[in-house]
């Protein structure tokens, strides 16, 4: 029996497929955070995008998240 993809796994796959849009999405999510807006799942998406953009072998924890 094949295992079903979880929502998070599907999101990761989608984010990996993005190219130019990654930078735009990170910018939008960071600006919304600076404005004090709460984006559902925004922290998870930012974390995944940063991980993808850093590439394999580079692990950094506690990246700054801009807060008001």
PDB file of N, CA and C in Angstrom:
ATOM      1  N   UNK A   1       0.846  -1.178   0.000  1.00  0.00           N
ATOM      2  CA  UNK A   1       0.000   0.000   0.000  1.00  0.00           C
ATOM      3  C   UNK A   1       0.886   1.234   0.000  1.00  0.00           C
ATOM      4  N   UNK A   2       0.659   2.152  -0.908  1.00  0.00           N
ATOM      5  CA  UNK A   2       1.455   3.372  -1.012  1.00  0.00           C
ATOM      6  C   UNK A   2       1.056   4.350   0.084  1.00  0.00           C
ATOM      7  N   UNK A   3       2.057   4.999   0.647  1.00  0.00           N
ATOM      8  CA  UNK A   3       1.757   5.965   1.694  1.00  0.00           C
ATOM      9  C   UNK A   3       1.301   7.276   1.059  1.00  0.00           C
ATOM     10  N   UNK A   4       0.335   7.884   1.675  1.00  0.00           N
ATOM     11  CA  UNK A   4      -0.194   9.149   1.170  1.00  0.00           C
ATOM     12  C   UNK A   4       0.712  10.291   1.604  1.00  0.00           C
ATOM     13  N   UNK A   5       0.894  11.244   0.717  1.00  0.00           N
ATOM     14  CA  UNK A   5       1.678  12.421   1.062  1.00  0.00           C
ATOM     15  C   UNK A   5       0.905  13.266   2.062  1.00  0.00           C
ATOM     16  N   UNK A   6       1.619  13.771   3.040  1.00  0.00           N
ATOM     17  CA  UNK A   6       0.971  14.679   3.982  1.00  0.00           C
ATOM     18  C   UNK A   6       0.905  16.064   3.355  1.00  0.00           C
ATOM     19  N   UNK A   7       0.134  16.922   3.956  1.00  0.00           N
ATOM     20  CA  UNK A   7       0.011  18.290   3.467  1.00  0.00           C
ATOM     21  C   UNK A   7       1.365  18.986   3.487  1.00  0.00           C
ATOM     22  N   UNK A   8       2.140  18.778   4.534  1.00  0.00           N
ATOM     23  CA  UNK A   8       3.455  19.413   4.643  1.00  0.00           C
ATOM     24  C   UNK A   8       4.388  18.904   3.549  1.00  0.00           C
ATOM     25  N   UNK A   9       4.343  17.610   3.259  1.00  0.00           N
ATOM     26  CA  UNK A   9       5.179  17.059   2.191  1.00  0.00           C
ATOM     27  C   UNK A   9       4.799  17.644   0.837  1.00  0.00           C
ATOM     28  N   UNK A  10       3.507  17.811   0.589  1.00  0.00           N
ATOM     29  CA  UNK A  10       3.055  18.412  -0.671  1.00  0.00           C
ATOM     30  C   UNK A  10       3.495  19.872  -0.750  1.00  0.00           C
ATOM     31  N   UNK A  11       3.427  20.586   0.384  1.00  0.00           N
ATOM     32  CA  UNK A  11       3.871  21.976   0.419  1.00  0.00           C
ATOM     33  C   UNK A  11       5.372  22.060   0.121  1.00  0.00           C
ATOM     34  N   UNK A  12       6.164  21.196   0.732  1.00  0.00           N
ATOM     35  CA  UNK A  12       7.609  21.187   0.474  1.00  0.00           C
ATOM     36  C   UNK A  12       7.908  20.937  -0.999  1.00  0.00           C
ATOM     37  N   UNK A  13       7.199  19.999  -1.582  1.00  0.00           N
ATOM     38  CA  UNK A  13       7.394  19.684  -3.000  1.00  0.00           C
ATOM     39  C   UNK A  13       7.051  20.900  -3.861  1.00  0.00           C
ATOM     40  N   UNK A  14       5.954  21.549  -3.550  1.00  0.00           N
ATOM     41  CA  UNK A  14       5.543  22.742  -4.296  1.00  0.00           C
ATOM     42  C   UNK A  14       6.592  23.849  -4.175  1.00  0.00           C
ATOM     43  N   UNK A  15       7.080  24.089  -2.971  1.00  0.00           N
ATOM     44  CA  UNK A  15       8.069  25.149  -2.755  1.00  0.00           C
ATOM     45  C   UNK A  15       9.386  24.845  -3.469  1.00  0.00           C
ATOM     46  N   UNK A  16       9.770  23.566  -3.537  1.00  0.00           N
ATOM     47  CA  UNK A  16      10.994  23.189  -4.260  1.00  0.00           C
ATOM     48  C   UNK A  16      10.866  23.464  -5.754  1.00  0.00           C
ATOM     49  N   UNK A  17       9.653  23.354  -6.283  1.00  0.00           N
ATOM     50  CA  UNK A  17       9.424  23.565  -7.704  1.00  0.00           C
ATOM     51  C   UNK A  17       9.444  25.036  -8.097  1.00  0.00           C
ATOM     52  N   UNK A  18       9.260  25.912  -7.118  1.00  0.00           N
ATOM     53  CA  UNK A  18       9.309  27.346  -7.409  1.00  0.00           C
ATOM     54  C   UNK A  18      10.728  27.755  -7.737  1.00  0.00           C
ATOM     55  N   UNK A  19      10.899  28.729  -8.552  1.00  0.00           N
ATOM     56  CA  UNK A  19      12.231  29.247  -8.872  1.00  0.00           C
ATOM     57  C   UNK A  19      12.278  30.726  -8.494  1.00  0.00           C
ATOM     58  N   UNK A  20      11.978  31.567  -9.444  1.00  0.00           N
ATOM     59  CA  UNK A  20      12.016  33.012  -9.223  1.00  0.00           C
ATOM     60  C   UNK A  20      11.018  33.433  -8.134  1.00  0.00           C
ATOM     61  N   UNK A  21       9.937  32.725  -8.045  1.00  0.00           N
ATOM     62  CA  UNK A  21       8.876  33.086  -7.109  1.00  0.00           C
ATOM     63  C   UNK A  21       9.292  32.932  -5.647  1.00  0.00           C
ATOM     64  N   UNK A  22      10.314  32.104  -5.385  1.00  0.00           N
ATOM     65  CA  UNK A  22      10.761  31.898  -4.002  1.00  0.00           C
ATOM     66  C   UNK A  22      11.121  33.212  -3.338  1.00  0.00           C
ATOM     67  N   UNK A  23      11.946  33.998  -4.011  1.00  0.00           N
ATOM     68  CA  UNK A  23      12.397  35.268  -3.452  1.00  0.00           C
ATOM     69  C   UNK A  23      11.220  36.205  -3.237  1.00  0.00           C
ATOM     70  N   UNK A  24      10.313  36.243  -4.194  1.00  0.00           N
ATOM     71  CA  UNK A  24       9.137  37.097  -4.055  1.00  0.00           C
ATOM     72  C   UNK A  24       8.273  36.679  -2.866  1.00  0.00           C
ATOM     73  N   UNK A  25       8.100  35.379  -2.705  1.00  0.00           N
ATOM     74  CA  UNK A  25       7.285  34.862  -1.612  1.00  0.00           C
ATOM     75  C   UNK A  25       7.925  35.156  -0.258  1.00  0.00           C
ATOM     76  N   UNK A  26       9.232  34.973  -0.145  1.00  0.00           N
ATOM     77  CA  UNK A  26       9.935  35.291   1.099  1.00  0.00           C
ATOM     78  C   UNK A  26       9.749  36.767   1.432  1.00  0.00           C
ATOM     79  N   UNK A  27       9.916  37.625   0.437  1.00  0.00           N
ATOM     80  CA  UNK A  27       9.748  39.062   0.659  1.00  0.00           C
ATOM     81  C   UNK A  27       8.360  39.419   1.136  1.00  0.00           C
ATOM     82  N   UNK A  28       7.357  38.844   0.502  1.00  0.00           N
ATOM     83  CA  UNK A  28       5.971  39.125   0.904  1.00  0.00           C
ATOM     84  C   UNK A  28       5.687  38.644   2.321  1.00  0.00           C
ATOM     85  N   UNK A  29       6.155  37.451   2.655  1.00  0.00           N
ATOM     86  CA  UNK A  29       5.914  36.922   3.996  1.00  0.00           C
ATOM     87  C   UNK A  29       6.646  37.745   5.055  1.00  0.00           C
ATOM     88  N   UNK A  30       7.877  38.166   4.754  1.00  0.00           N
ATOM     89  CA  UNK A  30       8.619  38.987   5.715  1.00  0.00           C
ATOM     90  C   UNK A  30       7.977  40.360   5.879  1.00  0.00           C
ATOM     91  N   UNK A  31       7.498  40.955   4.785  1.00  0.00           N
ATOM     92  CA  UNK A  31       6.813  42.256   4.894  1.00  0.00           C
ATOM     93  C   UNK A  31       5.537  42.140   5.704  1.00  0.00           C
ATOM     94  N   UNK A  32       4.784  41.078   5.512  1.00  0.00           N
ATOM     95  CA  UNK A  32       3.546  40.912   6.284  1.00  0.00           C
ATOM     96  C   UNK A  32       3.865  40.737   7.769  1.00  0.00           C
ATOM     97  N   UNK A  33       4.976  40.064   8.070  1.00  0.00           N
ATOM     98  CA  UNK A  33       5.395  39.911   9.465  1.00  0.00           C
ATOM     99  C   UNK A  33       5.761  41.261  10.055  1.00  0.00           C
ATOM    100  N   UNK A  34       6.474  42.078   9.292  1.00  0.00           N
ATOM    101  CA  UNK A  34       6.847  43.412   9.762  1.00  0.00           C
ATOM    102  C   UNK A  34       5.629  44.301  10.006  1.00  0.00           C
ATOM    103  N   UNK A  35       4.576  44.100   9.214  1.00  0.00           N
ATOM    104  CA  UNK A  35       3.343  44.864   9.402  1.00  0.00           C
ATOM    105  C   UNK A  35       2.515  44.338  10.568  1.00  0.00           C
ATOM    106  N   UNK A  36       2.938  43.221  11.148  1.00  0.00           N
ATOM    107  CA  UNK A  36       2.209  42.644  12.268  1.00  0.00           C
ATOM    108  C   UNK A  36       1.070  41.733  11.858  1.00  0.00           C
ATOM    109  N   UNK A  37       1.022  41.379  10.604  1.00  0.00           N
ATOM    110  CA  UNK A  37      -0.031  40.492  10.109  1.00  0.00           C
ATOM    111  C   UNK A  37       0.369  39.043  10.365  1.00  0.00           C
ATOM    112  N   UNK A  38      -0.602  38.262  10.798  1.00  0.00           N
ATOM    113  CA  UNK A  38      -0.352  36.846  11.049  1.00  0.00           C
ATOM    114  C   UNK A  38      -0.812  36.047   9.837  1.00  0.00           C
ATOM    115  N   UNK A  39       0.136  35.419   9.157  1.00  0.00           N
ATOM    116  CA  UNK A  39      -0.171  34.610   7.977  1.00  0.00           C
ATOM    117  C   UNK A  39      -0.193  33.153   8.414  1.00  0.00           C
ATOM    118  N   UNK A  40      -1.330  32.499   8.206  1.00  0.00           N
ATOM    119  CA  UNK A  40      -1.447  31.095   8.589  1.00  0.00           C
ATOM    120  C   UNK A  40      -0.395  30.267   7.873  1.00  0.00           C
ATOM    121  N   UNK A  41       0.450  29.583   8.631  1.00  0.00           N
ATOM    122  CA  UNK A  41       1.481  28.742   8.055  1.00  0.00           C
ATOM    123  C   UNK A  41       2.693  29.500   7.550  1.00  0.00           C
ATOM    124  N   UNK A  42       2.706  30.807   7.736  1.00  0.00           N
ATOM    125  CA  UNK A  42       3.794  31.637   7.228  1.00  0.00           C
ATOM    126  C   UNK A  42       5.153  31.262   7.776  1.00  0.00           C
ATOM    127  N   UNK A  43       5.209  30.954   9.066  1.00  0.00           N
ATOM    128  CA  UNK A  43       6.489  30.573   9.669  1.00  0.00           C
ATOM    129  C   UNK A  43       7.026  29.283   9.053  1.00  0.00           C
ATOM    130  N   UNK A  44       6.149  28.322   8.837  1.00  0.00           N
ATOM    131  CA  UNK A  44       6.555  27.057   8.226  1.00  0.00           C
ATOM    132  C   UNK A  44       7.050  27.280   6.798  1.00  0.00           C
ATOM    133  N   UNK A  45       6.323  28.089   6.041  1.00  0.00           N
ATOM    134  CA  UNK A  45       6.704  28.354   4.656  1.00  0.00           C
ATOM    135  C   UNK A  45       8.055  29.070   4.610  1.00  0.00           C
ATOM    136  N   UNK A  46       8.251  30.091   5.462  1.00  0.00           N
ATOM    137  CA  UNK A  46       9.536  30.794   5.494  1.00  0.00           C
ATOM    138  C   UNK A  46      10.671  29.849   5.864  1.00  0.00           C
ATOM    139  N   UNK A  47      10.442  29.011   6.844  1.00  0.00           N
ATOM    140  CA  UNK A  47      11.466  28.049   7.266  1.00  0.00           C
ATOM    141  C   UNK A  47      11.852  27.130   6.109  1.00  0.00           C
ATOM    142  N   UNK A  48      10.854  26.614   5.410  1.00  0.00           N
ATOM    143  CA  UNK A  48      11.131  25.709   4.294  1.00  0.00           C
ATOM    144  C   UNK A  48      11.818  26.427   3.138  1.00  0.00           C
ATOM    145  N   UNK A  49      11.364  27.630   2.823  1.00  0.00           N
ATOM    146  CA  UNK A  49      11.981  28.378   1.728  1.00  0.00           C
ATOM    147  C   UNK A  49      13.440  28.689   2.035  1.00  0.00           C
ATOM    148  N   UNK A  50      13.716  29.086   3.252  1.00  0.00           N
ATOM    149  CA  UNK A  50      15.100  29.382   3.633  1.00  0.00           C
ATOM    150  C   UNK A  50      15.967  28.126   3.564  1.00  0.00           C
ATOM    151  N   UNK A  51      15.421  27.006   3.986  1.00  0.00           N
ATOM    152  CA  UNK A  51      16.163  25.743   3.923  1.00  0.00           C
ATOM    153  C   UNK A  51      16.466  25.380   2.472  1.00  0.00           C
ATOM    154  N   UNK A  52      15.474  25.516   1.610  1.00  0.00           N
ATOM    155  CA  UNK A  52      15.647  25.198   0.203  1.00  0.00           C
ATOM    156  C   UNK A  52      16.664  26.137  -0.440  1.00  0.00           C
ATOM    157  N   UNK A  53      16.578  27.415  -0.144  1.00  0.00           N
ATOM    158  CA  UNK A  53      17.456  28.405  -0.759  1.00  0.00           C
ATOM    159  C   UNK A  53      18.902  28.270  -0.284  1.00  0.00           C
ATOM    160  N   UNK A  54      19.100  27.815   0.941  1.00  0.00           N
ATOM    161  CA  UNK A  54      20.462  27.591   1.443  1.00  0.00           C
ATOM    162  C   UNK A  54      21.115  26.407   0.746  1.00  0.00           C
ATOM    163  N   UNK A  55      20.319  25.430   0.401  1.00  0.00           N
ATOM    164  CA  UNK A  55      20.848  24.248  -0.265  1.00  0.00           C
ATOM    165  C   UNK A  55      21.297  23.194   0.724  1.00  0.00           C
ATOM    166  N   UNK A  56      21.672  22.031   0.224  1.00  0.00           N
ATOM    167  CA  UNK A  56      22.072  20.925   1.105  1.00  0.00           C
ATOM    168  C   UNK A  56      23.407  21.205   1.790  1.00  0.00           C
ATOM    169  N   UNK A  57      23.521  20.705   2.997  1.00  0.00           N
ATOM    170  CA  UNK A  57      24.771  20.806   3.735  1.00  0.00           C
ATOM    171  C   UNK A  57      24.932  22.066   4.552  1.00  0.00           C
ATOM    172  N   UNK A  58      24.067  23.016   4.372  1.00  0.00           N
ATOM    173  CA  UNK A  58      24.156  24.252   5.155  1.00  0.00           C
ATOM    174  C   UNK A  58      22.991  24.302   6.125  1.00  0.00           C
ATOM    175  N   UNK A  59      23.284  24.143   7.377  1.00  0.00           N
ATOM    176  CA  UNK A  59      22.242  24.134   8.398  1.00  0.00           C
ATOM    177  C   UNK A  59      22.461  25.301   9.330  1.00  0.00           C
ATOM    178  N   UNK A  60      21.466  26.160   9.422  1.00  0.00           N
ATOM    179  CA  UNK A  60      21.508  27.263  10.378  1.00  0.00           C
ATOM    180  C   UNK A  60      20.200  27.243  11.132  1.00  0.00           C
ATOM    181  N   UNK A  61      20.319  27.339  12.418  1.00  0.00           N
ATOM    182  CA  UNK A  61      19.112  27.381  13.244  1.00  0.00           C
ATOM    183  C   UNK A  61      18.928  28.793  13.746  1.00  0.00           C
ATOM    184  N   UNK A  62      17.723  29.067  14.164  1.00  0.00           N
ATOM    185  CA  UNK A  62      17.375  30.348  14.761  1.00  0.00           C
ATOM    186  C   UNK A  62      17.663  31.522  13.840  1.00  0.00           C
ATOM    187  N   UNK A  63      17.218  31.409  12.581  1.00  0.00           N
ATOM    188  CA  UNK A  63      17.331  32.529  11.684  1.00  0.00           C
ATOM    189  C   UNK A  63      16.436  33.650  12.185  1.00  0.00           C
ATOM    190  N   UNK A  64      16.874  34.888  12.045  1.00  0.00           N
ATOM    191  CA  UNK A  64      16.070  35.991  12.558  1.00  0.00           C
ATOM    192  C   UNK A  64      14.743  36.107  11.823  1.00  0.00           C
ATOM    193  N   UNK A  65      13.718  36.311  12.595  1.00  0.00           N
ATOM    194  CA  UNK A  65      12.388  36.592  12.044  1.00  0.00           C
ATOM    195  C   UNK A  65      12.057  38.000  12.503  1.00  0.00           C
ATOM    196  N   UNK A  66      11.751  38.851  11.571  1.00  0.00           N
ATOM    197  CA  UNK A  66      11.504  40.242  11.892  1.00  0.00           C
ATOM    198  C   UNK A  66      10.163  40.371  12.587  1.00  0.00           C
ATOM    199  N   UNK A  67      10.187  40.973  13.746  1.00  0.00           N
ATOM    200  CA  UNK A  67       8.965  41.232  14.523  1.00  0.00           C
ATOM    201  C   UNK A  67       8.921  42.697  14.881  1.00  0.00           C
ATOM    202  N   UNK A  68       7.750  43.188  15.043  1.00  0.00           N
ATOM    203  CA  UNK A  68       7.567  44.576  15.489  1.00  0.00           C
ATOM    204  C   UNK A  68       7.813  44.684  16.953  1.00  0.00           C
TER     205      UNK A  68
END
